[in-house]
């Protein structure tokens, strides 16, 4: 969020995180494959920001959030769902 330069989005994330960080629903499943896949999603976002590609960064973030939500809310979790 800091790299994006989007102060409003950073404020929203900080506010939400401070409220939910200690809840079991926020922590979710911690299987290594899910963490690796999630980190890859974050990496794609960072790479688009570093490349000064706002459209690509927005798409990467949308994809990461959507895929993460689907994995967290569906069945046992499918780390391949996060790998694009």
PDB file of N, CA and C in Angstrom:
ATOM      1  N   UNK A   1       0.818  -1.183   0.000  1.00  0.00           N
ATOM      2  CA  UNK A   1       0.000   0.000   0.000  1.00  0.00           C
ATOM      3  C   UNK A   1       0.869   1.257   0.000  1.00  0.00           C
ATOM      4  N   UNK A   2       1.976   1.214   0.710  1.00  0.00           N
ATOM      5  CA  UNK A   2       2.852   2.382   0.749  1.00  0.00           C
ATOM      6  C   UNK A   2       3.425   2.668  -0.634  1.00  0.00           C
ATOM      7  N   UNK A   3       3.823   1.628  -1.352  1.00  0.00           N
ATOM      8  CA  UNK A   3       4.412   1.815  -2.681  1.00  0.00           C
ATOM      9  C   UNK A   3       3.413   2.395  -3.670  1.00  0.00           C
ATOM     10  N   UNK A   4       2.127   2.147  -3.458  1.00  0.00           N
ATOM     11  CA  UNK A   4       1.115   2.634  -4.390  1.00  0.00           C
ATOM     12  C   UNK A   4       0.963   4.146  -4.331  1.00  0.00           C
ATOM     13  N   UNK A   5       1.308   4.744  -3.186  1.00  0.00           N
ATOM     14  CA  UNK A   5       1.133   6.179  -3.040  1.00  0.00           C
ATOM     15  C   UNK A   5      -0.318   6.578  -2.830  1.00  0.00           C
ATOM     16  N   UNK A   6      -1.210   5.608  -2.680  1.00  0.00           N
ATOM     17  CA  UNK A   6      -2.632   5.878  -2.501  1.00  0.00           C
ATOM     18  C   UNK A   6      -2.922   5.995  -1.010  1.00  0.00           C
ATOM     19  N   UNK A   7      -2.930   7.229  -0.512  1.00  0.00           N
ATOM     20  CA  UNK A   7      -3.105   7.461   0.916  1.00  0.00           C
ATOM     21  C   UNK A   7      -4.481   7.034   1.411  1.00  0.00           C
ATOM     22  N   UNK A   8      -5.503   7.216   0.604  1.00  0.00           N
ATOM     23  CA  UNK A   8      -6.857   6.828   1.018  1.00  0.00           C
ATOM     24  C   UNK A   8      -6.941   5.320   1.188  1.00  0.00           C
ATOM     25  N   UNK A   9      -6.455   4.578   0.204  1.00  0.00           N
ATOM     26  CA  UNK A   9      -6.483   3.112   0.299  1.00  0.00           C
ATOM     27  C   UNK A   9      -5.655   2.634   1.481  1.00  0.00           C
ATOM     28  N   UNK A  10      -4.499   3.256   1.695  1.00  0.00           N
ATOM     29  CA  UNK A  10      -3.667   2.888   2.850  1.00  0.00           C
ATOM     30  C   UNK A  10      -4.421   3.103   4.148  1.00  0.00           C
ATOM     31  N   UNK A  11      -5.144   4.212   4.244  1.00  0.00           N
ATOM     32  CA  UNK A  11      -5.922   4.509   5.439  1.00  0.00           C
ATOM     33  C   UNK A  11      -7.021   3.482   5.673  1.00  0.00           C
ATOM     34  N   UNK A  12      -7.681   3.086   4.600  1.00  0.00           N
ATOM     35  CA  UNK A  12      -8.742   2.076   4.711  1.00  0.00           C
ATOM     36  C   UNK A  12      -8.162   0.753   5.195  1.00  0.00           C
ATOM     37  N   UNK A  13      -7.075   0.323   4.580  1.00  0.00           N
ATOM     38  CA  UNK A  13      -6.458  -0.952   4.961  1.00  0.00           C
ATOM     39  C   UNK A  13      -5.985  -0.902   6.407  1.00  0.00           C
ATOM     40  N   UNK A  14      -5.327   0.180   6.813  1.00  0.00           N
ATOM     41  CA  UNK A  14      -4.859   0.298   8.194  1.00  0.00           C
ATOM     42  C   UNK A  14      -6.016   0.241   9.180  1.00  0.00           C
ATOM     43  N   UNK A  15      -7.097   0.911   8.849  1.00  0.00           N
ATOM     44  CA  UNK A  15      -8.257   0.933   9.729  1.00  0.00           C
ATOM     45  C   UNK A  15      -8.864  -0.462   9.871  1.00  0.00           C
ATOM     46  N   UNK A  16      -9.041  -1.134   8.764  1.00  0.00           N
ATOM     47  CA  UNK A  16      -9.606  -2.484   8.805  1.00  0.00           C
ATOM     48  C   UNK A  16      -8.676  -3.449   9.516  1.00  0.00           C
ATOM     49  N   UNK A  17      -7.398  -3.374   9.194  1.00  0.00           N
ATOM     50  CA  UNK A  17      -6.440  -4.302   9.788  1.00  0.00           C
ATOM     51  C   UNK A  17      -6.400  -4.157  11.303  1.00  0.00           C
ATOM     52  N   UNK A  18      -6.438  -2.924  11.780  1.00  0.00           N
ATOM     53  CA  UNK A  18      -6.377  -2.724  13.230  1.00  0.00           C
ATOM     54  C   UNK A  18      -7.598  -3.298  13.933  1.00  0.00           C
ATOM     55  N   UNK A  19      -8.696  -3.439  13.216  1.00  0.00           N
ATOM     56  CA  UNK A  19      -9.924  -3.969  13.800  1.00  0.00           C
ATOM     57  C   UNK A  19     -10.008  -5.490  13.754  1.00  0.00           C
ATOM     58  N   UNK A  20      -9.412  -6.113  12.753  1.00  0.00           N
ATOM     59  CA  UNK A  20      -9.646  -7.546  12.539  1.00  0.00           C
ATOM     60  C   UNK A  20      -8.415  -8.441  12.651  1.00  0.00           C
ATOM     61  N   UNK A  21      -7.256  -7.864  12.838  1.00  0.00           N
ATOM     62  CA  UNK A  21      -6.016  -8.646  12.760  1.00  0.00           C
ATOM     63  C   UNK A  21      -5.962  -9.808  13.753  1.00  0.00           C
ATOM     64  N   UNK A  22      -6.653  -9.709  14.861  1.00  0.00           N
ATOM     65  CA  UNK A  22      -6.581 -10.759  15.874  1.00  0.00           C
ATOM     66  C   UNK A  22      -7.762 -11.720  15.835  1.00  0.00           C
ATOM     67  N   UNK A  23      -8.576 -11.651  14.810  1.00  0.00           N
ATOM     68  CA  UNK A  23      -9.706 -12.567  14.725  1.00  0.00           C
ATOM     69  C   UNK A  23      -9.340 -13.797  13.902  1.00  0.00           C
ATOM     70  N   UNK A  24      -9.924 -14.929  14.240  1.00  0.00           N
ATOM     71  CA  UNK A  24      -9.639 -16.182  13.529  1.00  0.00           C
ATOM     72  C   UNK A  24     -10.065 -16.094  12.069  1.00  0.00           C
ATOM     73  N   UNK A  25     -11.146 -15.412  11.786  1.00  0.00           N
ATOM     74  CA  UNK A  25     -11.620 -15.313  10.401  1.00  0.00           C
ATOM     75  C   UNK A  25     -10.638 -14.524   9.542  1.00  0.00           C
ATOM     76  N   UNK A  26      -9.946 -13.553  10.136  1.00  0.00           N
ATOM     77  CA  UNK A  26      -8.972 -12.763   9.381  1.00  0.00           C
ATOM     78  C   UNK A  26      -7.724 -13.590   9.088  1.00  0.00           C
ATOM     79  N   UNK A  27      -7.259 -14.304  10.073  1.00  0.00           N
ATOM     80  CA  UNK A  27      -6.040 -15.098   9.916  1.00  0.00           C
ATOM     81  C   UNK A  27      -6.261 -16.199   8.891  1.00  0.00           C
ATOM     82  N   UNK A  28      -7.402 -16.861   8.963  1.00  0.00           N
ATOM     83  CA  UNK A  28      -7.726 -17.892   7.981  1.00  0.00           C
ATOM     84  C   UNK A  28      -6.790 -19.080   8.015  1.00  0.00           C
ATOM     85  N   UNK A  29      -6.776 -19.806   6.920  1.00  0.00           N
ATOM     86  CA  UNK A  29      -5.919 -20.990   6.818  1.00  0.00           C
ATOM     87  C   UNK A  29      -4.495 -20.563   6.528  1.00  0.00           C
ATOM     88  N   UNK A  30      -3.553 -21.300   7.076  1.00  0.00           N
ATOM     89  CA  UNK A  30      -2.147 -20.918   6.928  1.00  0.00           C
ATOM     90  C   UNK A  30      -1.311 -21.984   6.230  1.00  0.00           C
ATOM     91  N   UNK A  31      -1.946 -22.821   5.436  1.00  0.00           N
ATOM     92  CA  UNK A  31      -1.189 -23.835   4.701  1.00  0.00           C
ATOM     93  C   UNK A  31      -0.099 -23.162   3.875  1.00  0.00           C
ATOM     94  N   UNK A  32       1.063 -23.766   3.864  1.00  0.00           N
ATOM     95  CA  UNK A  32       2.212 -23.169   3.154  1.00  0.00           C
ATOM     96  C   UNK A  32       1.887 -22.849   1.696  1.00  0.00           C
ATOM     97  N   UNK A  33       1.229 -23.746   1.008  1.00  0.00           N
ATOM     98  CA  UNK A  33       0.924 -23.514  -0.411  1.00  0.00           C
ATOM     99  C   UNK A  33       0.034 -22.276  -0.588  1.00  0.00           C
ATOM    100  N   UNK A  34      -0.891 -22.060   0.350  1.00  0.00           N
ATOM    101  CA  UNK A  34      -1.749 -20.878   0.264  1.00  0.00           C
ATOM    102  C   UNK A  34      -0.939 -19.608   0.503  1.00  0.00           C
ATOM    103  N   UNK A  35       0.001 -19.654   1.436  1.00  0.00           N
ATOM    104  CA  UNK A  35       0.861 -18.497   1.707  1.00  0.00           C
ATOM    105  C   UNK A  35       1.759 -18.197   0.509  1.00  0.00           C
ATOM    106  N   UNK A  36       2.316 -19.227  -0.092  1.00  0.00           N
ATOM    107  CA  UNK A  36       3.179 -19.048  -1.269  1.00  0.00           C
ATOM    108  C   UNK A  36       2.382 -18.418  -2.408  1.00  0.00           C
ATOM    109  N   UNK A  37       1.177 -18.921  -2.635  1.00  0.00           N
ATOM    110  CA  UNK A  37       0.330 -18.389  -3.705  1.00  0.00           C
ATOM    111  C   UNK A  37      -0.063 -16.941  -3.422  1.00  0.00           C
ATOM    112  N   UNK A  38      -0.398 -16.638  -2.176  1.00  0.00           N
ATOM    113  CA  UNK A  38      -0.762 -15.272  -1.809  1.00  0.00           C
ATOM    114  C   UNK A  38       0.422 -14.328  -2.003  1.00  0.00           C
ATOM    115  N   UNK A  39       1.599 -14.759  -1.601  1.00  0.00           N
ATOM    116  CA  UNK A  39       2.791 -13.935  -1.790  1.00  0.00           C
ATOM    117  C   UNK A  39       3.056 -13.665  -3.267  1.00  0.00           C
ATOM    118  N   UNK A  40       2.775 -14.642  -4.116  1.00  0.00           N
ATOM    119  CA  UNK A  40       2.955 -14.444  -5.558  1.00  0.00           C
ATOM    120  C   UNK A  40       1.997 -13.360  -6.062  1.00  0.00           C
ATOM    121  N   UNK A  41       0.788 -13.341  -5.540  1.00  0.00           N
ATOM    122  CA  UNK A  41      -0.168 -12.294  -5.909  1.00  0.00           C
ATOM    123  C   UNK A  41       0.324 -10.920  -5.491  1.00  0.00           C
ATOM    124  N   UNK A  42       0.860 -10.831  -4.277  1.00  0.00           N
ATOM    125  CA  UNK A  42       1.412  -9.560  -3.817  1.00  0.00           C
ATOM    126  C   UNK A  42       2.603  -9.138  -4.680  1.00  0.00           C
ATOM    127  N   UNK A  43       3.418 -10.099  -5.068  1.00  0.00           N
ATOM    128  CA  UNK A  43       4.584  -9.819  -5.910  1.00  0.00           C
ATOM    129  C   UNK A  43       4.136  -9.218  -7.245  1.00  0.00           C
ATOM    130  N   UNK A  44       3.068  -9.784  -7.845  1.00  0.00           N
ATOM    131  CA  UNK A  44       2.577  -9.254  -9.125  1.00  0.00           C
ATOM    132  C   UNK A  44       2.124  -7.799  -8.968  1.00  0.00           C
ATOM    133  N   UNK A  45       1.457  -7.495  -7.874  1.00  0.00           N
ATOM    134  CA  UNK A  45       1.023  -6.121  -7.628  1.00  0.00           C
ATOM    135  C   UNK A  45       2.249  -5.213  -7.518  1.00  0.00           C
ATOM    136  N   UNK A  46       3.210  -5.612  -6.703  1.00  0.00           N
ATOM    137  CA  UNK A  46       4.424  -4.815  -6.511  1.00  0.00           C
ATOM    138  C   UNK A  46       5.152  -4.585  -7.844  1.00  0.00           C
ATOM    139  N   UNK A  47       5.279  -5.624  -8.639  1.00  0.00           N
ATOM    140  CA  UNK A  47       5.996  -5.506  -9.913  1.00  0.00           C
ATOM    141  C   UNK A  47       5.322  -4.499 -10.851  1.00  0.00           C
ATOM    142  N   UNK A  48       4.005  -4.470 -10.848  1.00  0.00           N
ATOM    143  CA  UNK A  48       3.273  -3.520 -11.692  1.00  0.00           C
ATOM    144  C   UNK A  48       3.445  -2.097 -11.173  1.00  0.00           C
ATOM    145  N   UNK A  49       3.454  -1.946  -9.843  1.00  0.00           N
ATOM    146  CA  UNK A  49       3.686  -0.615  -9.272  1.00  0.00           C
ATOM    147  C   UNK A  49       5.101  -0.158  -9.602  1.00  0.00           C
ATOM    148  N   UNK A  50       6.082  -1.035  -9.408  1.00  0.00           N
ATOM    149  CA  UNK A  50       7.477  -0.698  -9.686  1.00  0.00           C
ATOM    150  C   UNK A  50       7.680  -0.351 -11.160  1.00  0.00           C
ATOM    151  N   UNK A  51       6.894  -0.970 -12.037  1.00  0.00           N
ATOM    152  CA  UNK A  51       6.987  -0.697 -13.471  1.00  0.00           C
ATOM    153  C   UNK A  51       6.192   0.557 -13.864  1.00  0.00           C
ATOM    154  N   UNK A  52       5.612   1.220 -12.867  1.00  0.00           N
ATOM    155  CA  UNK A  52       4.788   2.414 -13.100  1.00  0.00           C
ATOM    156  C   UNK A  52       3.653   2.124 -14.072  1.00  0.00           C
ATOM    157  N   UNK A  53       2.993   1.011 -13.826  1.00  0.00           N
ATOM    158  CA  UNK A  53       1.877   0.548 -14.652  1.00  0.00           C
ATOM    159  C   UNK A  53       0.607   0.544 -13.795  1.00  0.00           C
ATOM    160  N   UNK A  54      -0.068   1.705 -13.672  1.00  0.00           N
ATOM    161  CA  UNK A  54      -1.218   1.774 -12.773  1.00  0.00           C
ATOM    162  C   UNK A  54      -2.365   0.845 -13.170  1.00  0.00           C
ATOM    163  N   UNK A  55      -2.603   0.701 -14.461  1.00  0.00           N
ATOM    164  CA  UNK A  55      -3.675  -0.190 -14.894  1.00  0.00           C
ATOM    165  C   UNK A  55      -3.333  -1.647 -14.558  1.00  0.00           C
ATOM    166  N   UNK A  56      -2.078  -2.027 -14.816  1.00  0.00           N
ATOM    167  CA  UNK A  56      -1.644  -3.384 -14.495  1.00  0.00           C
ATOM    168  C   UNK A  56      -1.668  -3.645 -13.003  1.00  0.00           C
ATOM    169  N   UNK A  57      -1.291  -2.643 -12.210  1.00  0.00           N
ATOM    170  CA  UNK A  57      -1.311  -2.784 -10.749  1.00  0.00           C
ATOM    171  C   UNK A  57      -2.745  -2.938 -10.255  1.00  0.00           C
ATOM    172  N   UNK A  58      -3.647  -2.144 -10.804  1.00  0.00           N
ATOM    173  CA  UNK A  58      -5.056  -2.241 -10.404  1.00  0.00           C
ATOM    174  C   UNK A  58      -5.617  -3.609 -10.754  1.00  0.00           C
ATOM    175  N   UNK A  59      -5.305  -4.099 -11.941  1.00  0.00           N
ATOM    176  CA  UNK A  59      -5.781  -5.425 -12.353  1.00  0.00           C
ATOM    177  C   UNK A  59      -5.188  -6.518 -11.469  1.00  0.00           C
ATOM    178  N   UNK A  60      -3.888  -6.425 -11.185  1.00  0.00           N
ATOM    179  CA  UNK A  60      -3.233  -7.425 -10.339  1.00  0.00           C
ATOM    180  C   UNK A  60      -3.833  -7.417  -8.935  1.00  0.00           C
ATOM    181  N   UNK A  61      -4.126  -6.225  -8.409  1.00  0.00           N
ATOM    182  CA  UNK A  61      -4.709  -6.143  -7.063  1.00  0.00           C
ATOM    183  C   UNK A  61      -6.122  -6.696  -7.062  1.00  0.00           C
ATOM    184  N   UNK A  62      -6.918  -6.344  -8.066  1.00  0.00           N
ATOM    185  CA  UNK A  62      -8.279  -6.860  -8.170  1.00  0.00           C
ATOM    186  C   UNK A  62      -8.265  -8.385  -8.239  1.00  0.00           C
ATOM    187  N   UNK A  63      -7.393  -8.929  -9.079  1.00  0.00           N
ATOM    188  CA  UNK A  63      -7.286 -10.380  -9.225  1.00  0.00           C
ATOM    189  C   UNK A  63      -6.867 -11.030  -7.912  1.00  0.00           C
ATOM    190  N   UNK A  64      -5.882 -10.443  -7.248  1.00  0.00           N
ATOM    191  CA  UNK A  64      -5.407 -11.009  -5.984  1.00  0.00           C
ATOM    192  C   UNK A  64      -6.507 -10.997  -4.921  1.00  0.00           C
ATOM    193  N   UNK A  65      -7.189  -9.879  -4.778  1.00  0.00           N
ATOM    194  CA  UNK A  65      -8.256  -9.795  -3.777  1.00  0.00           C
ATOM    195  C   UNK A  65      -9.371 -10.773  -4.101  1.00  0.00           C
ATOM    196  N   UNK A  66      -9.786 -10.814  -5.346  1.00  0.00           N
ATOM    197  CA  UNK A  66     -10.873 -11.712  -5.747  1.00  0.00           C
ATOM    198  C   UNK A  66     -10.495 -13.172  -5.533  1.00  0.00           C
ATOM    199  N   UNK A  67      -9.331 -13.553  -6.012  1.00  0.00           N
ATOM    200  CA  UNK A  67      -8.901 -14.941  -5.861  1.00  0.00           C
ATOM    201  C   UNK A  67      -8.723 -15.312  -4.390  1.00  0.00           C
ATOM    202  N   UNK A  68      -8.146 -14.404  -3.613  1.00  0.00           N
ATOM    203  CA  UNK A  68      -7.953 -14.680  -2.185  1.00  0.00           C
ATOM    204  C   UNK A  68      -9.296 -14.874  -1.490  1.00  0.00           C
ATOM    205  N   UNK A  69     -10.256 -14.042  -1.825  1.00  0.00           N
ATOM    206  CA  UNK A  69     -11.592 -14.155  -1.235  1.00  0.00           C
ATOM    207  C   UNK A  69     -12.206 -15.517  -1.575  1.00  0.00           C
ATOM    208  N   UNK A  70     -12.108 -15.901  -2.843  1.00  0.00           N
ATOM    209  CA  UNK A  70     -12.682 -17.183  -3.255  1.00  0.00           C
ATOM    210  C   UNK A  70     -12.022 -18.355  -2.540  1.00  0.00           C
ATOM    211  N   UNK A  71     -10.717 -18.306  -2.394  1.00  0.00           N
ATOM    212  CA  UNK A  71      -9.996 -19.381  -1.709  1.00  0.00           C
ATOM    213  C   UNK A  71     -10.383 -19.425  -0.240  1.00  0.00           C
ATOM    214  N   UNK A  72     -10.438 -18.268   0.401  1.00  0.00           N
ATOM    215  CA  UNK A  72     -10.749 -18.218   1.834  1.00  0.00           C
ATOM    216  C   UNK A  72     -12.184 -18.641   2.108  1.00  0.00           C
ATOM    217  N   UNK A  73     -13.083 -18.396   1.192  1.00  0.00           N
ATOM    218  CA  UNK A  73     -14.490 -18.687   1.418  1.00  0.00           C
ATOM    219  C   UNK A  73     -14.939 -20.034   0.865  1.00  0.00           C
ATOM    220  N   UNK A  74     -14.114 -20.679   0.073  1.00  0.00           N
ATOM    221  CA  UNK A  74     -14.527 -21.922  -0.543  1.00  0.00           C
ATOM    222  C   UNK A  74     -13.797 -23.122   0.014  1.00  0.00           C
ATOM    223  N   UNK A  75     -14.493 -24.197   0.207  1.00  0.00           N
ATOM    224  CA  UNK A  75     -13.941 -25.493   0.592  1.00  0.00           C
ATOM    225  C   UNK A  75     -12.625 -25.464   1.333  1.00  0.00           C
ATOM    226  N   UNK A  76     -11.779 -26.451   1.098  1.00  0.00           N
ATOM    227  CA  UNK A  76     -10.516 -26.562   1.806  1.00  0.00           C
ATOM    228  C   UNK A  76      -9.445 -25.604   1.279  1.00  0.00           C
ATOM    229  N   UNK A  77      -9.721 -24.921   0.207  1.00  0.00           N
ATOM    230  CA  UNK A  77      -8.728 -24.000  -0.356  1.00  0.00           C
ATOM    231  C   UNK A  77      -7.952 -24.654  -1.476  1.00  0.00           C
ATOM    232  N   UNK A  78      -7.812 -23.918  -2.540  1.00  0.00           N
ATOM    233  CA  UNK A  78      -7.100 -24.425  -3.714  1.00  0.00           C
ATOM    234  C   UNK A  78      -6.025 -23.411  -4.070  1.00  0.00           C
ATOM    235  N   UNK A  79      -4.783 -23.645  -3.637  1.00  0.00           N
ATOM    236  CA  UNK A  79      -3.727 -22.661  -3.908  1.00  0.00           C
ATOM    237  C   UNK A  79      -3.520 -22.401  -5.395  1.00  0.00           C
ATOM    238  N   UNK A  80      -3.859 -23.335  -6.249  1.00  0.00           N
ATOM    239  CA  UNK A  80      -3.697 -23.133  -7.693  1.00  0.00           C
ATOM    240  C   UNK A  80      -4.613 -22.010  -8.168  1.00  0.00           C
ATOM    241  N   UNK A  81      -5.721 -21.771  -7.464  1.00  0.00           N
ATOM    242  CA  UNK A  81      -6.650 -20.711  -7.850  1.00  0.00           C
ATOM    243  C   UNK A  81      -5.967 -19.354  -7.807  1.00  0.00           C
ATOM    244  N   UNK A  82      -4.954 -19.198  -6.923  1.00  0.00           N
ATOM    245  CA  UNK A  82      -4.243 -17.935  -6.813  1.00  0.00           C
ATOM    246  C   UNK A  82      -3.093 -17.822  -7.805  1.00  0.00           C
ATOM    247  N   UNK A  83      -2.748 -18.902  -8.448  1.00  0.00           N
ATOM    248  CA  UNK A  83      -1.603 -18.878  -9.358  1.00  0.00           C
ATOM    249  C   UNK A  83      -2.069 -18.629 -10.779  1.00  0.00           C
ATOM    250  N   UNK A  84      -1.788 -17.469 -11.284  1.00  0.00           N
ATOM    251  CA  UNK A  84      -2.167 -17.129 -12.658  1.00  0.00           C
ATOM    252  C   UNK A  84      -0.950 -16.785 -13.451  1.00  0.00           C
TER     253      UNK A  84
END
